[in-house]
Amino acid sequence: MDLPENKANLTKFLSDQMMLEAKKSRPTCELITAGGFEEETKVASSQGSDVEQLQSSHEEADTRIILHAKAAYMDGYERIIVSCRDTDVLVLLTHFAGQLSGELWMRTGRRQKRRYVAVHDIQLTPTMQRNIQVYHAVTGCDTVSQPSGHGKKTTWKVFQQHGALLDDLGRGTLSESTIRSVEEFFCRIYSPASDETNISDVRYRMFQKGTKYQEKLRPSRKCLEQHIKRAHHQAQVWFRADVPIPEIESPIGSGWYEDATRRLYPHVSADDPLPNEFTDIVCCKCKNCATSRCSYRAKNLKCIAACTCNNGVCHKPYSVAIETDSE
């Protein structure tokens, strides 16, 4: 199944078989199939109905669900049930529920624990309703990673208080002001007790407090910027879920790059996470570095911010002006 051709052939086979089975066993029930044929825009009905309005170029089944739900409401259906166990779909349904009338349900869970979510009854503030898709994209979805050590439960609290910081993401061209606004949102996630707005400052404070391993440090500014670009692109796709043939910018250059085999990979960062001279860094664990027991003093080196002494009462302090992106 690693070969795209095999996946395409299997999808076409299943689509054709489902249509045949529906005509035989459920002639009174209409089955509409899309996205599984050689032609990406092809859509078929088991009853031969005119479903031209459902022709679309959507790559994701998640967004096609919204398109089909909208068409069903326009045809007069007052209750729509979407059977799915995907969180991305629930977020999409929540965002578009306000644009649809009637009841919108999501059937989820397994056979033993089946449950129905009344999407039409989900109550959010106007800001949260407007940015729910953006929030889900930037804090982790199928195509964008989540902030290390922070799941939906903790980031949701930040979203409730600072959701307006995500207002412009996924809408229009990604500007530097939008990136800085989302950067501040991440500062609220990583350092809720501070008023920092620059992720580099948050990263440096963690380093000062003794966090030396790269995987435990907060992302660098350049790394976060690529993450924001991926979330922006994904949000753009979701915002156009109700448009049959949407105009979507290429993901290449939006936090993604293409290799020689034309496969997409996330562009992690434009810079190295640390200067090369810092890769083998060693920190002392002294209180004031007054004796030769201090590993830095013994080697006639000056202590750094990550040392336990924190340069405060150190006899061998190292002072340097830290340049941040805000300067």
C-alpha atoms as a PDB file:
ATOM      1  CA  MET A   1       0.000   0.000   0.000  1.00  0.00           C
ATOM      2  CA  ASP A   2       3.015   2.316  -0.077  1.00  0.00           C
ATOM      3  CA  LEU A   3       2.514   2.816  -3.805  1.00  0.00           C
ATOM      4  CA  PRO A   4       0.006   5.584  -4.683  1.00  0.00           C
ATOM      5  CA  GLU A   5      -1.174   3.558  -7.713  1.00  0.00           C
ATOM      6  CA  ASN A   6      -2.207   0.638  -5.505  1.00  0.00           C
ATOM      7  CA  LYS A   7      -4.177   2.945  -3.218  1.00  0.00           C
ATOM      8  CA  ALA A   8      -5.910   4.562  -6.196  1.00  0.00           C
ATOM      9  CA  ASN A   9      -6.847   1.183  -7.687  1.00  0.00           C
ATOM     10  CA  LEU A  10      -8.202  -0.079  -4.372  1.00  0.00           C
ATOM     11  CA  THR A  11     -10.232   3.085  -3.837  1.00  0.00           C
ATOM     12  CA  LYS A  12     -11.747   2.823  -7.321  1.00  0.00           C
ATOM     13  CA  PHE A  13     -12.577  -0.861  -6.806  1.00  0.00           C
ATOM     14  CA  LEU A  14     -14.328  -0.158  -3.499  1.00  0.00           C
ATOM     15  CA  SER A  15     -16.256   2.783  -4.974  1.00  0.00           C
ATOM     16  CA  ASP A  16     -17.497   0.693  -7.913  1.00  0.00           C
ATOM     17  CA  GLN A  17     -18.456  -2.241  -5.688  1.00  0.00           C
ATOM     18  CA  MET A  18     -20.322  -0.033  -3.238  1.00  0.00           C
ATOM     19  CA  MET A  19     -22.395   1.431  -6.055  1.00  0.00           C
ATOM     20  CA  LEU A  20     -23.259  -2.029  -7.412  1.00  0.00           C
ATOM     21  CA  GLU A  21     -24.175  -3.361  -3.970  1.00  0.00           C
ATOM     22  CA  ALA A  22     -26.345  -0.346  -3.192  1.00  0.00           C
ATOM     23  CA  LYS A  23     -28.352  -0.818  -6.396  1.00  0.00           C
ATOM     24  CA  LYS A  24     -28.939  -4.502  -5.633  1.00  0.00           C
ATOM     25  CA  SER A  25     -29.559  -4.672  -1.897  1.00  0.00           C
ATOM     26  CA  ARG A  26     -30.901  -1.167  -1.136  1.00  0.00           C
ATOM     27  CA  PRO A  27     -32.690   0.148  -4.205  1.00  0.00           C
ATOM     28  CA  THR A  28     -34.722   2.651  -2.157  1.00  0.00           C
ATOM     29  CA  CYS A  29     -31.658   4.106  -0.472  1.00  0.00           C
ATOM     30  CA  GLU A  30     -29.495   6.554  -2.403  1.00  0.00           C
ATOM     31  CA  LEU A  31     -25.728   6.176  -2.091  1.00  0.00           C
ATOM     32  CA  ILE A  32     -23.522   8.990  -3.376  1.00  0.00           C
ATOM     33  CA  THR A  33     -19.838   8.245  -3.883  1.00  0.00           C
ATOM     34  CA  ALA A  34     -17.107  10.783  -4.658  1.00  0.00           C
ATOM     35  CA  GLY A  35     -13.339  11.026  -4.589  1.00  0.00           C
ATOM     36  CA  GLY A  36     -12.698   7.375  -5.374  1.00  0.00           C
ATOM     37  CA  PHE A  37     -12.646   7.404  -9.158  1.00  0.00           C
ATOM     38  CA  GLU A  38      -9.922   8.091 -11.699  1.00  0.00           C
ATOM     39  CA  GLU A  39     -11.388  11.542 -12.251  1.00  0.00           C
ATOM     40  CA  GLU A  40     -10.954  13.475  -9.014  1.00  0.00           C
ATOM     41  CA  THR A  41     -14.126  15.509  -9.578  1.00  0.00           C
ATOM     42  CA  LYS A  42     -16.348  12.547 -10.495  1.00  0.00           C
ATOM     43  CA  VAL A  43     -19.350  11.855  -8.273  1.00  0.00           C
ATOM     44  CA  ALA A  44     -21.961   9.129  -8.771  1.00  0.00           C
ATOM     45  CA  SER A  45     -25.414   8.304  -7.411  1.00  0.00           C
ATOM     46  CA  SER A  46     -26.787   4.760  -7.071  1.00  0.00           C
ATOM     47  CA  GLN A  47     -30.174   6.072  -8.248  1.00  0.00           C
ATOM     48  CA  GLY A  48     -28.781   8.050 -11.150  1.00  0.00           C
ATOM     49  CA  SER A  49     -29.711  11.419  -9.639  1.00  0.00           C
ATOM     50  CA  ASP A  50     -28.158  14.639 -10.856  1.00  0.00           C
ATOM     51  CA  VAL A  51     -25.369  15.288  -8.348  1.00  0.00           C
ATOM     52  CA  GLU A  52     -23.302  17.658 -10.451  1.00  0.00           C
ATOM     53  CA  GLN A  53     -23.250  20.209  -7.602  1.00  0.00           C
ATOM     54  CA  LEU A  54     -21.142  17.750  -5.596  1.00  0.00           C
ATOM     55  CA  GLN A  55     -18.317  17.582  -8.116  1.00  0.00           C
ATOM     56  CA  SER A  56     -15.235  18.799  -6.307  1.00  0.00           C
ATOM     57  CA  SER A  57     -11.463  18.808  -6.312  1.00  0.00           C
ATOM     58  CA  HIS A  58     -11.073  18.224  -2.563  1.00  0.00           C
ATOM     59  CA  GLU A  59      -8.138  15.979  -1.668  1.00  0.00           C
ATOM     60  CA  GLU A  60      -9.429  15.221   1.833  1.00  0.00           C
ATOM     61  CA  ALA A  61     -12.519  13.175   2.611  1.00  0.00           C
ATOM     62  CA  ASP A  62     -12.937  15.357   5.722  1.00  0.00           C
ATOM     63  CA  THR A  63     -13.768  18.442   3.687  1.00  0.00           C
ATOM     64  CA  ARG A  64     -15.970  16.530   1.214  1.00  0.00           C
ATOM     65  CA  ILE A  65     -18.200  15.617   4.158  1.00  0.00           C
ATOM     66  CA  ILE A  66     -18.936  19.304   4.712  1.00  0.00           C
ATOM     67  CA  LEU A  67     -19.724  19.772   1.036  1.00  0.00           C
ATOM     68  CA  HIS A  68     -22.159  16.829   1.068  1.00  0.00           C
ATOM     69  CA  ALA A  69     -23.784  17.952   4.332  1.00  0.00           C
ATOM     70  CA  LYS A  70     -24.368  21.421   2.903  1.00  0.00           C
ATOM     71  CA  ALA A  71     -25.911  19.937  -0.262  1.00  0.00           C
ATOM     72  CA  ALA A  72     -28.217  17.734   1.848  1.00  0.00           C
ATOM     73  CA  TYR A  73     -29.505  20.719   3.804  1.00  0.00           C
ATOM     74  CA  MET A  74     -30.099  22.630   0.581  1.00  0.00           C
ATOM     75  CA  ASP A  75     -32.156  19.642  -0.656  1.00  0.00           C
ATOM     76  CA  GLY A  76     -34.435  19.972   2.367  1.00  0.00           C
ATOM     77  CA  TYR A  77     -33.048  17.428   4.839  1.00  0.00           C
ATOM     78  CA  GLU A  78     -33.507  18.667   8.411  1.00  0.00           C
ATOM     79  CA  ARG A  79     -31.344  16.078  10.157  1.00  0.00           C
ATOM     80  CA  ILE A  80     -27.858  15.034   9.065  1.00  0.00           C
ATOM     81  CA  ILE A  81     -25.883  12.234  10.753  1.00  0.00           C
ATOM     82  CA  VAL A  82     -22.179  11.981   9.965  1.00  0.00           C
ATOM     83  CA  SER A  83     -20.643   8.633  10.901  1.00  0.00           C
ATOM     84  CA  CYS A  84     -16.981   9.224  11.709  1.00  0.00           C
ATOM     85  CA  ARG A  85     -14.414   8.868  14.484  1.00  0.00           C
ATOM     86  CA  ASP A  86     -12.096  11.649  13.322  1.00  0.00           C
ATOM     87  CA  THR A  87     -11.531  14.710  15.522  1.00  0.00           C
ATOM     88  CA  ASP A  88     -10.730  16.825  12.460  1.00  0.00           C
ATOM     89  CA  VAL A  89     -14.247  16.152  11.142  1.00  0.00           C
ATOM     90  CA  LEU A  90     -15.848  17.090  14.462  1.00  0.00           C
ATOM     91  CA  VAL A  91     -13.994  20.411  14.407  1.00  0.00           C
ATOM     92  CA  LEU A  92     -15.098  21.041  10.822  1.00  0.00           C
ATOM     93  CA  LEU A  93     -18.716  20.238  11.676  1.00  0.00           C
ATOM     94  CA  THR A  94     -18.571  22.539  14.709  1.00  0.00           C
ATOM     95  CA  HIS A  95     -17.313  25.435  12.598  1.00  0.00           C
ATOM     96  CA  PHE A  96     -19.872  25.012   9.809  1.00  0.00           C
ATOM     97  CA  ALA A  97     -22.832  24.079  12.037  1.00  0.00           C
ATOM     98  CA  GLY A  98     -23.772  27.729  12.375  1.00  0.00           C
ATOM     99  CA  GLN A  99     -24.130  28.035   8.597  1.00  0.00           C
ATOM    100  CA  LEU A 100     -26.541  25.096   8.399  1.00  0.00           C
ATOM    101  CA  SER A 101     -30.059  24.774   9.722  1.00  0.00           C
ATOM    102  CA  GLY A 102     -31.674  21.790  11.419  1.00  0.00           C
ATOM    103  CA  GLU A 103     -29.949  19.057  13.417  1.00  0.00           C
ATOM    104  CA  LEU A 104     -26.354  18.025  12.832  1.00  0.00           C
ATOM    105  CA  TRP A 105     -25.149  14.855  14.549  1.00  0.00           C
ATOM    106  CA  MET A 106     -21.864  12.963  14.556  1.00  0.00           C
ATOM    107  CA  ARG A 107     -21.998   9.238  15.218  1.00  0.00           C
ATOM    108  CA  THR A 108     -18.746   8.097  16.759  1.00  0.00           C
ATOM    109  CA  GLY A 109     -17.257   5.324  18.871  1.00  0.00           C
ATOM    110  CA  ARG A 110     -17.197   1.584  18.281  1.00  0.00           C
ATOM    111  CA  ARG A 111     -20.033  -0.926  18.109  1.00  0.00           C
ATOM    112  CA  GLN A 112     -19.896  -1.623  21.833  1.00  0.00           C
ATOM    113  CA  LYS A 113     -19.681   2.064  22.803  1.00  0.00           C
ATOM    114  CA  ARG A 114     -21.552   3.935  20.103  1.00  0.00           C
ATOM    115  CA  ARG A 115     -22.558   7.500  20.875  1.00  0.00           C
ATOM    116  CA  TYR A 116     -24.028  10.504  19.089  1.00  0.00           C
ATOM    117  CA  VAL A 117     -22.675  14.045  19.430  1.00  0.00           C
ATOM    118  CA  ALA A 118     -25.234  16.821  18.944  1.00  0.00           C
ATOM    119  CA  VAL A 119     -23.003  19.232  17.070  1.00  0.00           C
ATOM    120  CA  HIS A 120     -25.834  21.768  16.730  1.00  0.00           C
ATOM    121  CA  ASP A 121     -25.965  22.073  20.534  1.00  0.00           C
ATOM    122  CA  ILE A 122     -22.251  22.887  21.006  1.00  0.00           C
ATOM    123  CA  GLN A 123     -22.035  26.393  22.485  1.00  0.00           C
ATOM    124  CA  LEU A 124     -18.921  28.520  21.891  1.00  0.00           C
ATOM    125  CA  THR A 125     -18.165  32.208  22.176  1.00  0.00           C
ATOM    126  CA  PRO A 126     -18.145  34.106  18.846  1.00  0.00           C
ATOM    127  CA  THR A 127     -14.336  34.245  18.896  1.00  0.00           C
ATOM    128  CA  MET A 128     -13.996  30.519  19.589  1.00  0.00           C
ATOM    129  CA  GLN A 129     -16.606  29.655  16.958  1.00  0.00           C
ATOM    130  CA  ARG A 130     -14.724  31.774  14.429  1.00  0.00           C
ATOM    131  CA  ASN A 131     -11.316  30.286  15.242  1.00  0.00           C
ATOM    132  CA  ILE A 132     -12.058  26.695  16.284  1.00  0.00           C
ATOM    133  CA  GLN A 133     -10.523  25.316  13.061  1.00  0.00           C
ATOM    134  CA  VAL A 134      -7.443  27.507  13.404  1.00  0.00           C
ATOM    135  CA  TYR A 135      -6.984  26.434  17.018  1.00  0.00           C
ATOM    136  CA  HIS A 136      -7.193  22.755  16.078  1.00  0.00           C
ATOM    137  CA  ALA A 137      -4.711  23.193  13.234  1.00  0.00           C
ATOM    138  CA  VAL A 138      -2.109  25.086  15.246  1.00  0.00           C
ATOM    139  CA  THR A 139      -2.293  22.824  18.330  1.00  0.00           C
ATOM    140  CA  GLY A 140      -2.133  19.516  16.462  1.00  0.00           C
ATOM    141  CA  CYS A 141      -4.162  17.719  13.808  1.00  0.00           C
ATOM    142  CA  ASP A 142      -3.578  15.063  11.142  1.00  0.00           C
ATOM    143  CA  THR A 143      -1.107  17.245   9.220  1.00  0.00           C
ATOM    144  CA  VAL A 144       0.358  19.531  11.910  1.00  0.00           C
ATOM    145  CA  SER A 145       2.186  18.406  15.049  1.00  0.00           C
ATOM    146  CA  GLN A 146       1.076  19.360  18.543  1.00  0.00           C
ATOM    147  CA  PRO A 147       3.154  21.499  20.942  1.00  0.00           C
ATOM    148  CA  SER A 148       5.480  19.179  22.826  1.00  0.00           C
ATOM    149  CA  GLY A 149       4.124  18.394  26.268  1.00  0.00           C
ATOM    150  CA  HIS A 150       0.867  20.283  25.727  1.00  0.00           C
ATOM    151  CA  GLY A 151      -2.247  18.435  24.608  1.00  0.00           C
ATOM    152  CA  LYS A 152      -5.699  19.762  23.771  1.00  0.00           C
ATOM    153  CA  LYS A 153      -6.747  19.923  27.416  1.00  0.00           C
ATOM    154  CA  THR A 154      -4.114  22.493  28.386  1.00  0.00           C
ATOM    155  CA  THR A 155      -4.140  24.455  25.133  1.00  0.00           C
ATOM    156  CA  TRP A 156      -7.949  24.716  25.229  1.00  0.00           C
ATOM    157  CA  LYS A 157      -7.712  26.855  28.371  1.00  0.00           C
ATOM    158  CA  VAL A 158      -5.368  29.221  26.551  1.00  0.00           C
ATOM    159  CA  PHE A 159      -7.739  29.291  23.575  1.00  0.00           C
ATOM    160  CA  GLN A 160     -10.644  30.263  25.834  1.00  0.00           C
ATOM    161  CA  GLN A 161      -8.706  33.280  27.118  1.00  0.00           C
ATOM    162  CA  HIS A 162      -6.601  34.286  24.116  1.00  0.00           C
ATOM    163  CA  GLY A 163      -8.491  32.944  21.095  1.00  0.00           C
ATOM    164  CA  ALA A 164      -8.464  36.375  19.422  1.00  0.00           C
ATOM    165  CA  LEU A 165      -4.709  35.994  18.828  1.00  0.00           C
ATOM    166  CA  LEU A 166      -5.615  33.476  16.100  1.00  0.00           C
ATOM    167  CA  ASP A 167      -8.030  35.777  14.259  1.00  0.00           C
ATOM    168  CA  ASP A 168      -6.034  36.177  11.036  1.00  0.00           C
ATOM    169  CA  LEU A 169      -4.497  32.717  10.696  1.00  0.00           C
ATOM    170  CA  GLY A 170      -5.803  30.736   7.720  1.00  0.00           C
ATOM    171  CA  ARG A 171      -7.337  33.844   6.205  1.00  0.00           C
ATOM    172  CA  GLY A 172      -5.702  35.621   3.294  1.00  0.00           C
ATOM    173  CA  THR A 173      -1.925  35.918   2.990  1.00  0.00           C
ATOM    174  CA  LEU A 174       0.151  35.006   6.019  1.00  0.00           C
ATOM    175  CA  SER A 175       1.739  38.245   7.237  1.00  0.00           C
ATOM    176  CA  GLU A 176       4.511  38.908   9.736  1.00  0.00           C
ATOM    177  CA  SER A 177       1.999  40.516  12.121  1.00  0.00           C
ATOM    178  CA  THR A 178      -0.118  37.339  12.050  1.00  0.00           C
ATOM    179  CA  ILE A 179       2.941  35.184  12.764  1.00  0.00           C
ATOM    180  CA  ARG A 180       3.799  37.371  15.756  1.00  0.00           C
ATOM    181  CA  SER A 181       0.246  37.169  17.031  1.00  0.00           C
ATOM    182  CA  VAL A 182       0.268  33.356  16.880  1.00  0.00           C
ATOM    183  CA  GLU A 183       3.745  33.409  18.448  1.00  0.00           C
ATOM    184  CA  GLU A 184       2.249  35.250  21.411  1.00  0.00           C
ATOM    185  CA  PHE A 185      -0.442  32.542  21.603  1.00  0.00           C
ATOM    186  CA  PHE A 186       2.319  29.937  21.962  1.00  0.00           C
ATOM    187  CA  CYS A 187       4.014  32.029  24.623  1.00  0.00           C
ATOM    188  CA  ARG A 188       0.759  31.846  26.594  1.00  0.00           C
ATOM    189  CA  ILE A 189       0.855  28.037  26.190  1.00  0.00           C
ATOM    190  CA  TYR A 190       4.485  27.596  27.191  1.00  0.00           C
ATOM    191  CA  SER A 191       4.707  30.355  29.802  1.00  0.00           C
ATOM    192  CA  PRO A 192       1.183  31.176  31.064  1.00  0.00           C
ATOM    193  CA  ALA A 193       2.396  33.039  34.146  1.00  0.00           C
ATOM    194  CA  SER A 194       4.573  35.501  32.217  1.00  0.00           C
ATOM    195  CA  ASP A 195       3.770  38.309  29.791  1.00  0.00           C
ATOM    196  CA  GLU A 196       6.377  37.263  27.216  1.00  0.00           C
ATOM    197  CA  THR A 197       5.422  37.701  23.569  1.00  0.00           C
ATOM    198  CA  ASN A 198       8.664  36.420  22.041  1.00  0.00           C
ATOM    199  CA  ILE A 199       9.228  32.648  21.902  1.00  0.00           C
ATOM    200  CA  SER A 200      13.010  33.159  21.905  1.00  0.00           C
ATOM    201  CA  ASP A 201      12.740  34.858  25.306  1.00  0.00           C
ATOM    202  CA  VAL A 202      10.643  31.961  26.648  1.00  0.00           C
ATOM    203  CA  ARG A 203      13.191  29.508  25.285  1.00  0.00           C
ATOM    204  CA  TYR A 204      16.059  31.435  26.885  1.00  0.00           C
ATOM    205  CA  ARG A 205      14.322  31.593  30.281  1.00  0.00           C
ATOM    206  CA  MET A 206      13.932  27.818  30.218  1.00  0.00           C
ATOM    207  CA  PHE A 207      17.615  27.451  29.395  1.00  0.00           C
ATOM    208  CA  GLN A 208      18.432  29.724  32.327  1.00  0.00           C
ATOM    209  CA  LYS A 209      16.378  27.545  34.661  1.00  0.00           C
ATOM    210  CA  GLY A 210      18.355  24.450  33.757  1.00  0.00           C
ATOM    211  CA  THR A 211      16.600  22.921  30.748  1.00  0.00           C
ATOM    212  CA  LYS A 212      19.546  21.933  28.553  1.00  0.00           C
ATOM    213  CA  TYR A 213      18.172  19.167  26.333  1.00  0.00           C
ATOM    214  CA  GLN A 214      17.001  20.441  22.962  1.00  0.00           C
ATOM    215  CA  GLU A 215      13.927  18.192  22.861  1.00  0.00           C
ATOM    216  CA  LYS A 216      12.683  19.737  26.127  1.00  0.00           C
ATOM    217  CA  LEU A 217      13.272  23.332  25.110  1.00  0.00           C
ATOM    218  CA  ARG A 218      10.527  25.343  23.435  1.00  0.00           C
ATOM    219  CA  PRO A 219      10.827  25.668  19.645  1.00  0.00           C
ATOM    220  CA  SER A 220      13.117  28.295  18.199  1.00  0.00           C
ATOM    221  CA  ARG A 221      11.539  31.248  16.415  1.00  0.00           C
ATOM    222  CA  LYS A 222      12.414  29.846  12.969  1.00  0.00           C
ATOM    223  CA  CYS A 223      11.040  26.411  13.864  1.00  0.00           C
ATOM    224  CA  LEU A 224       7.787  27.892  15.197  1.00  0.00           C
ATOM    225  CA  GLU A 225       7.440  29.974  12.046  1.00  0.00           C
ATOM    226  CA  GLN A 226       7.405  26.835   9.872  1.00  0.00           C
ATOM    227  CA  HIS A 227       4.847  25.266  12.215  1.00  0.00           C
ATOM    228  CA  ILE A 228       2.616  28.334  11.874  1.00  0.00           C
ATOM    229  CA  LYS A 229       2.916  28.174   8.090  1.00  0.00           C
ATOM    230  CA  ARG A 230       1.709  24.549   8.076  1.00  0.00           C
ATOM    231  CA  ALA A 231      -1.204  25.414  10.356  1.00  0.00           C
ATOM    232  CA  HIS A 232      -2.073  28.411   8.153  1.00  0.00           C
ATOM    233  CA  HIS A 233      -2.183  26.235   5.045  1.00  0.00           C
ATOM    234  CA  GLN A 234      -4.311  23.558   6.734  1.00  0.00           C
ATOM    235  CA  ALA A 235      -6.744  26.173   8.040  1.00  0.00           C
ATOM    236  CA  GLN A 236      -7.054  27.606   4.524  1.00  0.00           C
ATOM    237  CA  VAL A 237      -8.094  24.171   3.255  1.00  0.00           C
ATOM    238  CA  TRP A 238     -10.689  23.785   6.023  1.00  0.00           C
ATOM    239  CA  PHE A 239     -12.172  27.265   5.614  1.00  0.00           C
ATOM    240  CA  ARG A 240     -12.942  26.401   1.976  1.00  0.00           C
ATOM    241  CA  ALA A 241     -14.533  23.036   2.757  1.00  0.00           C
ATOM    242  CA  ASP A 242     -17.915  24.245   1.500  1.00  0.00           C
ATOM    243  CA  VAL A 243     -16.497  25.371  -1.863  1.00  0.00           C
ATOM    244  CA  PRO A 244     -16.569  22.647  -4.591  1.00  0.00           C
ATOM    245  CA  ILE A 245     -13.481  23.811  -6.498  1.00  0.00           C
ATOM    246  CA  PRO A 246     -11.481  25.892  -4.019  1.00  0.00           C
ATOM    247  CA  GLU A 247      -8.333  27.799  -4.914  1.00  0.00           C
ATOM    248  CA  ILE A 248      -5.702  26.616  -2.452  1.00  0.00           C
ATOM    249  CA  GLU A 249      -2.071  27.698  -2.425  1.00  0.00           C
ATOM    250  CA  SER A 250       0.565  24.996  -2.838  1.00  0.00           C
ATOM    251  CA  PRO A 251       1.828  23.560   0.465  1.00  0.00           C
ATOM    252  CA  ILE A 252       5.380  23.826  -0.899  1.00  0.00           C
ATOM    253  CA  GLY A 253       6.876  26.829   0.817  1.00  0.00           C
ATOM    254  CA  SER A 254       4.136  26.812   3.428  1.00  0.00           C
ATOM    255  CA  GLY A 255       6.047  24.755   5.948  1.00  0.00           C
ATOM    256  CA  TRP A 256       6.495  21.872   3.500  1.00  0.00           C
ATOM    257  CA  TYR A 257       9.083  20.909   0.894  1.00  0.00           C
ATOM    258  CA  GLU A 258       9.105  18.368  -1.906  1.00  0.00           C
ATOM    259  CA  ASP A 259      11.882  15.820  -2.436  1.00  0.00           C
ATOM    260  CA  ALA A 260      13.076  14.259  -5.709  1.00  0.00           C
ATOM    261  CA  THR A 261      10.262  11.681  -5.597  1.00  0.00           C
ATOM    262  CA  ARG A 262       7.701  14.491  -5.212  1.00  0.00           C
ATOM    263  CA  ARG A 263       6.837  13.486  -1.671  1.00  0.00           C
ATOM    264  CA  LEU A 264       6.065  16.228   0.827  1.00  0.00           C
ATOM    265  CA  TYR A 265       7.979  16.579   4.088  1.00  0.00           C
ATOM    266  CA  PRO A 266       7.632  19.158   6.869  1.00  0.00           C
ATOM    267  CA  HIS A 267      10.233  21.897   6.776  1.00  0.00           C
ATOM    268  CA  VAL A 268      11.326  21.887  10.407  1.00  0.00           C
ATOM    269  CA  SER A 269      13.402  25.063  10.544  1.00  0.00           C
ATOM    270  CA  ALA A 270      15.399  27.452   8.415  1.00  0.00           C
ATOM    271  CA  ASP A 271      18.194  27.530  11.009  1.00  0.00           C
ATOM    272  CA  ASP A 272      20.023  25.053  13.226  1.00  0.00           C
ATOM    273  CA  PRO A 273      18.358  24.635  16.638  1.00  0.00           C
ATOM    274  CA  LEU A 274      21.626  25.604  18.365  1.00  0.00           C
ATOM    275  CA  PRO A 275      24.969  27.018  17.250  1.00  0.00           C
ATOM    276  CA  ASN A 276      27.487  24.244  16.628  1.00  0.00           C
ATOM    277  CA  GLU A 277      29.668  25.384  19.518  1.00  0.00           C
ATOM    278  CA  PHE A 278      26.773  24.733  21.932  1.00  0.00           C
ATOM    279  CA  THR A 279      26.113  21.103  20.987  1.00  0.00           C
ATOM    280  CA  ASP A 280      28.485  19.687  23.623  1.00  0.00           C
ATOM    281  CA  ILE A 281      27.687  22.216  26.301  1.00  0.00           C
ATOM    282  CA  VAL A 282      28.496  21.403  29.939  1.00  0.00           C
ATOM    283  CA  CYS A 283      27.069  23.273  32.936  1.00  0.00           C
ATOM    284  CA  CYS A 284      28.373  23.509  36.481  1.00  0.00           C
ATOM    285  CA  LYS A 285      26.228  22.750  39.538  1.00  0.00           C
ATOM    286  CA  CYS A 286      27.895  25.106  42.003  1.00  0.00           C
ATOM    287  CA  LYS A 287      26.334  27.820  44.155  1.00  0.00           C
ATOM    288  CA  ASN A 288      28.963  30.527  43.750  1.00  0.00           C
ATOM    289  CA  CYS A 289      31.889  28.853  41.912  1.00  0.00           C
ATOM    290  CA  ALA A 290      34.376  30.121  44.518  1.00  0.00           C
ATOM    291  CA  THR A 291      36.654  27.057  44.615  1.00  0.00           C
ATOM    292  CA  SER A 292      38.466  24.849  42.124  1.00  0.00           C
ATOM    293  CA  ARG A 293      35.762  22.237  42.627  1.00  0.00           C
ATOM    294  CA  CYS A 294      33.795  24.193  40.054  1.00  0.00           C
ATOM    295  CA  SER A 295      34.357  22.503  36.686  1.00  0.00           C
ATOM    296  CA  TYR A 296      34.307  25.857  34.933  1.00  0.00           C
ATOM    297  CA  ARG A 297      36.716  27.571  37.361  1.00  0.00           C
ATOM    298  CA  ALA A 298      39.128  24.622  37.192  1.00  0.00           C
ATOM    299  CA  LYS A 299      39.323  25.041  33.396  1.00  0.00           C
ATOM    300  CA  ASN A 300      39.448  28.846  33.624  1.00  0.00           C
ATOM    301  CA  LEU A 301      36.082  29.138  31.882  1.00  0.00           C
ATOM    302  CA  LYS A 302      33.299  31.623  32.589  1.00  0.00           C
ATOM    303  CA  CYS A 303      29.925  30.285  33.703  1.00  0.00           C
ATOM    304  CA  ILE A 304      26.896  30.547  31.441  1.00  0.00           C
ATOM    305  CA  ALA A 305      23.216  31.243  32.056  1.00  0.00           C
ATOM    306  CA  ALA A 306      22.348  27.551  32.256  1.00  0.00           C
ATOM    307  CA  CYS A 307      24.689  26.906  35.181  1.00  0.00           C
ATOM    308  CA  THR A 308      23.090  26.343  38.582  1.00  0.00           C
ATOM    309  CA  CYS A 309      24.704  29.509  39.903  1.00  0.00           C
ATOM    310  CA  ASN A 310      22.762  31.471  37.240  1.00  0.00           C
ATOM    311  CA  ASN A 311      25.571  34.037  37.145  1.00  0.00           C
ATOM    312  CA  GLY A 312      23.972  35.679  40.194  1.00  0.00           C
ATOM    313  CA  VAL A 313      26.634  35.208  42.900  1.00  0.00           C
ATOM    314  CA  CYS A 314      29.129  33.534  40.627  1.00  0.00           C
ATOM    315  CA  HIS A 315      32.830  34.303  40.923  1.00  0.00           C
ATOM    316  CA  LYS A 316      33.290  33.523  37.227  1.00  0.00           C
ATOM    317  CA  PRO A 317      30.240  35.114  35.580  1.00  0.00           C
ATOM    318  CA  TYR A 318      29.725  35.342  31.867  1.00  0.00           C
ATOM    319  CA  SER A 319      27.657  38.303  30.722  1.00  0.00           C
ATOM    320  CA  VAL A 320      26.390  38.725  27.201  1.00  0.00           C
ATOM    321  CA  ALA A 321      23.638  40.730  25.560  1.00  0.00           C
ATOM    322  CA  ILE A 322      21.045  38.313  24.223  1.00  0.00           C
ATOM    323  CA  GLU A 323      19.663  39.337  20.847  1.00  0.00           C
ATOM    324  CA  THR A 324      16.054  38.362  20.195  1.00  0.00           C
ATOM    325  CA  ASP A 325      13.855  38.609  17.150  1.00  0.00           C
ATOM    326  CA  SER A 326      11.957  41.510  18.715  1.00  0.00           C
ATOM    327  CA  GLU A 327      14.975  43.783  18.656  1.00  0.00           C
END
